[in-house]
Amino acid sequence: MNQAISLNIALVGVGGQGTLVAGKLLGTVATILGLEVKVSEVHGMSQRGGSVITYVRMAEHVASPIIEPAEADFVLAFEELEALRWAYLLKAGGSMMVNTMQTLPASVAIGAAAYPQDIIEALDSKTIGNSHVFAVDAQKLADEAGSYKATNIVMLGAMSRLTPIDEKVFTQAIDRVFPEKFRAINHKAFQSGSDIIKYTCEF
């Protein structure tokens, strides 16, 4: 049992980036730890690249499935604009992991709007307290691991370094969630994300 662990994690991105799978994996992590967990998925127009958010709350006891503003220990943003959109969820002292890729919304693609510039810098001004923003080229690391679809697992690996959860628990969860033929790629992707935080990111 790990009753002292209590985490609120928001997974944000656009349709097709694997936020739901990442949420399922975190739910499995909580189950392995013997914690109560609530995973709440909010779909936008996901089939058209719309905004998608998955809330994950794990603790000895979890009442609500929703993470309120300034309550998220972690915000994992699989796309830069979504990071800007959901930054208000991050609590003081929390950490945001941002995948440095840009998916143009339809309004930008047709020229009706402009994609914001310097998002990482803007995020630093939006976060509160002693929060931290980590920029991660998760797409590149996923490709190197063997599948562009493993971006979500790279992001979880990056986050894992900042949690009190033993890496072995994530390893077990990957083995439970993915069929055998996909496990090696996802283990490699997870380790790549973990290593980026260990070796290149500083507080």
Protein backbone atom coordinates (compact mmCIF):
# COMPACT_ATOMS: atom_id res chain seq x y z
CA MET A 1 0.00 0.00 0.00
CA ASN A 2 1.14 3.56 -0.77
CA GLN A 3 -1.44 5.57 1.11
CA ALA A 4 0.81 8.64 1.34
CA ILE A 5 0.72 9.11 -2.45
CA SER A 6 -1.87 11.58 -3.68
CA LEU A 7 -1.64 12.90 -7.24
CA ASN A 8 -3.83 14.96 -9.54
CA ILE A 9 -2.72 14.70 -13.16
CA ALA A 10 -4.25 16.43 -16.19
CA LEU A 11 -3.46 14.98 -19.63
CA VAL A 12 -4.26 17.47 -22.38
CA GLY A 13 -3.91 17.33 -26.13
CA VAL A 14 -5.82 16.92 -29.35
CA GLY A 15 -7.62 13.90 -30.71
CA GLY A 16 -5.37 11.01 -31.65
CA GLN A 17 -2.45 11.89 -29.35
CA GLY A 18 -3.11 9.13 -26.83
CA THR A 19 -4.33 11.02 -23.78
CA LEU A 20 -6.91 8.32 -23.11
CA VAL A 21 -4.33 5.52 -23.24
CA ALA A 22 -2.05 7.51 -20.94
CA GLY A 23 -4.96 7.89 -18.53
CA LYS A 24 -5.59 4.15 -18.63
CA LEU A 25 -1.93 3.45 -17.86
CA LEU A 26 -1.96 5.85 -14.90
CA GLY A 27 -5.12 4.18 -13.64
CA THR A 28 -3.29 0.86 -13.79
CA VAL A 29 -0.37 2.40 -11.87
CA ALA A 30 -2.78 3.46 -9.12
CA THR A 31 -4.33 -0.01 -9.00
CA ILE A 32 -0.89 -1.63 -8.61
CA LEU A 33 -0.18 0.78 -5.74
CA GLY A 34 -3.45 -0.15 -4.05
CA LEU A 35 -4.82 3.38 -4.39
CA GLU A 36 -8.29 4.56 -5.28
CA VAL A 37 -8.33 6.17 -8.72
CA LYS A 38 -10.78 8.13 -10.83
CA VAL A 39 -10.14 8.71 -14.53
CA SER A 40 -12.43 11.20 -16.23
CA GLU A 41 -12.24 11.74 -19.98
CA VAL A 42 -13.62 14.84 -21.68
CA HIS A 43 -13.73 14.62 -25.46
CA GLY A 44 -13.88 17.58 -27.77
CA MET A 45 -14.18 16.98 -31.49
CA SER A 46 -11.43 14.40 -31.10
CA GLN A 47 -11.89 12.88 -34.53
CA ARG A 48 -11.15 16.28 -36.06
CA GLY A 49 -8.17 17.13 -33.92
CA GLY A 50 -10.23 18.88 -31.26
CA SER A 51 -9.16 19.46 -27.68
CA VAL A 52 -9.19 16.43 -25.37
CA ILE A 53 -8.50 16.33 -21.63
CA THR A 54 -8.23 13.37 -19.29
CA TYR A 55 -8.25 13.89 -15.53
CA VAL A 56 -6.51 11.32 -13.34
CA ARG A 57 -6.82 11.49 -9.56
CA MET A 58 -5.22 8.87 -7.31
CA ALA A 59 -5.05 8.77 -3.52
CA GLU A 60 -6.16 6.67 -0.56
CA HIS A 61 -9.60 8.15 -1.12
CA VAL A 62 -10.79 10.16 -4.14
CA ALA A 63 -14.11 12.00 -3.97
CA SER A 64 -14.46 13.91 -7.26
CA PRO A 65 -13.10 12.85 -10.65
CA ILE A 66 -12.55 16.45 -11.76
CA ILE A 67 -9.43 18.52 -11.14
CA GLU A 68 -10.29 22.09 -10.23
CA PRO A 69 -8.19 25.14 -11.20
CA ALA A 70 -4.79 25.31 -9.47
CA GLU A 71 -5.14 21.75 -8.14
CA ALA A 72 -3.11 19.68 -10.65
CA ASP A 73 0.23 18.36 -9.44
CA PHE A 74 1.09 17.69 -13.08
CA VAL A 75 -0.20 18.88 -16.42
CA LEU A 76 1.06 16.77 -19.33
CA ALA A 77 0.45 18.70 -22.53
CA PHE A 78 0.88 16.70 -25.72
CA GLU A 79 0.67 19.87 -27.85
CA GLU A 80 1.86 23.44 -27.16
CA LEU A 81 -1.40 25.33 -27.63
CA GLU A 82 -3.21 22.88 -25.36
CA ALA A 83 -0.58 23.58 -22.72
CA LEU A 84 -1.46 27.26 -22.90
CA ARG A 85 -5.18 26.49 -22.82
CA TRP A 86 -5.01 24.37 -19.66
CA ALA A 87 -2.16 26.00 -17.73
CA TYR A 88 -4.62 27.35 -15.17
CA LEU A 89 -5.08 23.84 -13.78
CA LEU A 90 -1.50 23.67 -12.47
CA LYS A 91 -1.05 24.28 -8.76
CA ALA A 92 1.72 26.27 -7.10
CA GLY A 93 4.78 24.04 -7.00
CA GLY A 94 3.39 21.76 -9.69
CA SER A 95 5.10 20.70 -12.93
CA MET A 96 4.00 20.97 -16.53
CA MET A 97 5.53 18.75 -19.20
CA VAL A 98 5.05 20.19 -22.69
CA ASN A 99 5.55 18.26 -25.91
CA THR A 100 7.15 20.79 -28.26
CA MET A 101 4.97 20.11 -31.26
CA GLN A 102 2.27 22.24 -32.82
CA THR A 103 -0.98 20.96 -34.31
CA LEU A 104 -2.71 23.77 -36.17
CA PRO A 105 -6.39 24.22 -35.28
CA ALA A 106 -8.79 24.53 -38.20
CA SER A 107 -9.10 28.30 -37.67
CA VAL A 108 -5.32 28.66 -38.08
CA ALA A 109 -5.14 26.27 -41.03
CA ILE A 110 -7.66 28.38 -43.01
CA GLY A 111 -5.99 31.65 -42.06
CA ALA A 112 -8.76 32.92 -39.78
CA ALA A 113 -6.47 33.01 -36.74
CA ALA A 114 -2.79 32.94 -35.89
CA TYR A 115 -1.01 30.29 -33.83
CA PRO A 116 0.43 31.94 -30.67
CA GLN A 117 4.18 32.48 -30.66
CA ASP A 118 6.67 31.79 -27.86
CA ILE A 119 4.26 29.53 -25.97
CA ILE A 120 6.87 28.05 -23.63
CA GLU A 121 7.88 31.55 -22.51
CA ALA A 122 4.23 32.51 -22.09
CA LEU A 123 3.65 29.43 -19.92
CA ASP A 124 6.36 30.55 -17.54
CA SER A 125 4.38 33.72 -16.92
CA LYS A 126 1.08 31.86 -16.51
CA THR A 127 2.19 29.31 -13.91
CA ILE A 128 1.93 30.22 -10.25
CA GLY A 129 4.21 29.92 -7.26
CA ASN A 130 7.37 27.88 -7.80
CA SER A 131 5.88 25.81 -10.62
CA HIS A 132 8.09 24.36 -13.34
CA VAL A 133 7.63 24.03 -17.09
CA PHE A 134 9.60 21.32 -18.91
CA ALA A 135 9.78 21.41 -22.71
CA VAL A 136 10.24 17.92 -24.15
CA ASP A 137 10.59 16.93 -27.81
CA ALA A 138 8.49 13.87 -27.12
CA GLN A 139 7.66 13.25 -30.77
CA LYS A 140 11.34 12.89 -31.65
CA LEU A 141 11.96 10.53 -28.73
CA ALA A 142 8.92 8.45 -29.65
CA ASP A 143 10.14 8.12 -33.24
CA GLU A 144 13.55 7.02 -31.96
CA ALA A 145 11.87 4.43 -29.73
CA GLY A 146 10.18 2.94 -32.77
CA SER A 147 6.71 4.49 -32.98
CA TYR A 148 5.39 8.03 -33.25
CA LYS A 149 2.34 6.80 -31.33
CA ALA A 150 4.47 6.38 -28.19
CA THR A 151 4.62 10.14 -27.57
CA ASN A 152 2.21 9.74 -24.67
CA ILE A 153 4.48 7.19 -23.01
CA VAL A 154 7.51 9.46 -23.43
CA MET A 155 5.54 12.15 -21.59
CA LEU A 156 4.67 9.74 -18.77
CA GLY A 157 8.32 8.77 -18.50
CA ALA A 158 9.29 12.42 -18.13
CA MET A 159 6.67 12.95 -15.43
CA SER A 160 7.64 9.79 -13.56
CA ARG A 161 10.99 11.28 -12.54
CA LEU A 162 9.17 13.89 -10.48
CA THR A 163 6.78 11.54 -8.67
CA PRO A 164 7.34 9.38 -5.57
CA ILE A 165 6.30 6.30 -7.57
CA ASP A 166 8.94 3.63 -8.21
CA GLU A 167 9.77 3.22 -11.90
CA LYS A 168 9.09 -0.51 -11.59
CA VAL A 169 5.42 0.24 -11.04
CA PHE A 170 5.22 2.03 -14.40
CA THR A 171 7.04 -0.91 -15.99
CA GLN A 172 4.43 -3.31 -14.60
CA ALA A 173 1.62 -1.05 -15.80
CA ILE A 174 3.02 -0.94 -19.35
CA ASP A 175 3.14 -4.74 -19.38
CA ARG A 176 -0.49 -4.90 -18.26
CA VAL A 177 -1.86 -2.28 -20.66
CA PHE A 178 -0.04 -3.15 -23.90
CA PRO A 179 0.00 -6.42 -25.84
CA GLU A 180 3.37 -8.17 -25.78
CA LYS A 181 4.37 -7.06 -29.29
CA PHE A 182 4.15 -3.38 -28.28
CA ARG A 183 5.81 -3.57 -24.89
CA ALA A 184 9.46 -3.16 -25.91
CA ILE A 185 8.74 0.05 -27.85
CA ASN A 186 6.76 1.52 -24.99
CA HIS A 187 9.38 0.59 -22.40
CA LYS A 188 12.00 2.32 -24.55
CA ALA A 189 9.80 5.39 -25.00
CA PHE A 190 9.16 5.57 -21.25
CA GLN A 191 12.86 5.34 -20.46
CA SER A 192 13.68 8.03 -23.02
CA GLY A 193 11.29 10.45 -21.35
CA SER A 194 12.63 9.59 -17.93
CA ASP A 195 16.22 10.11 -19.05
CA ILE A 196 15.45 13.54 -20.54
CA ILE A 197 14.38 14.82 -17.13
CA LYS A 198 17.25 13.07 -15.35
CA TYR A 199 20.03 14.34 -17.60
CA THR A 200 18.94 17.55 -19.29
CA CYS A 201 16.25 19.37 -17.26
CA GLU A 202 17.16 21.42 -14.23
CA PHE A 203 14.98 23.15 -11.67
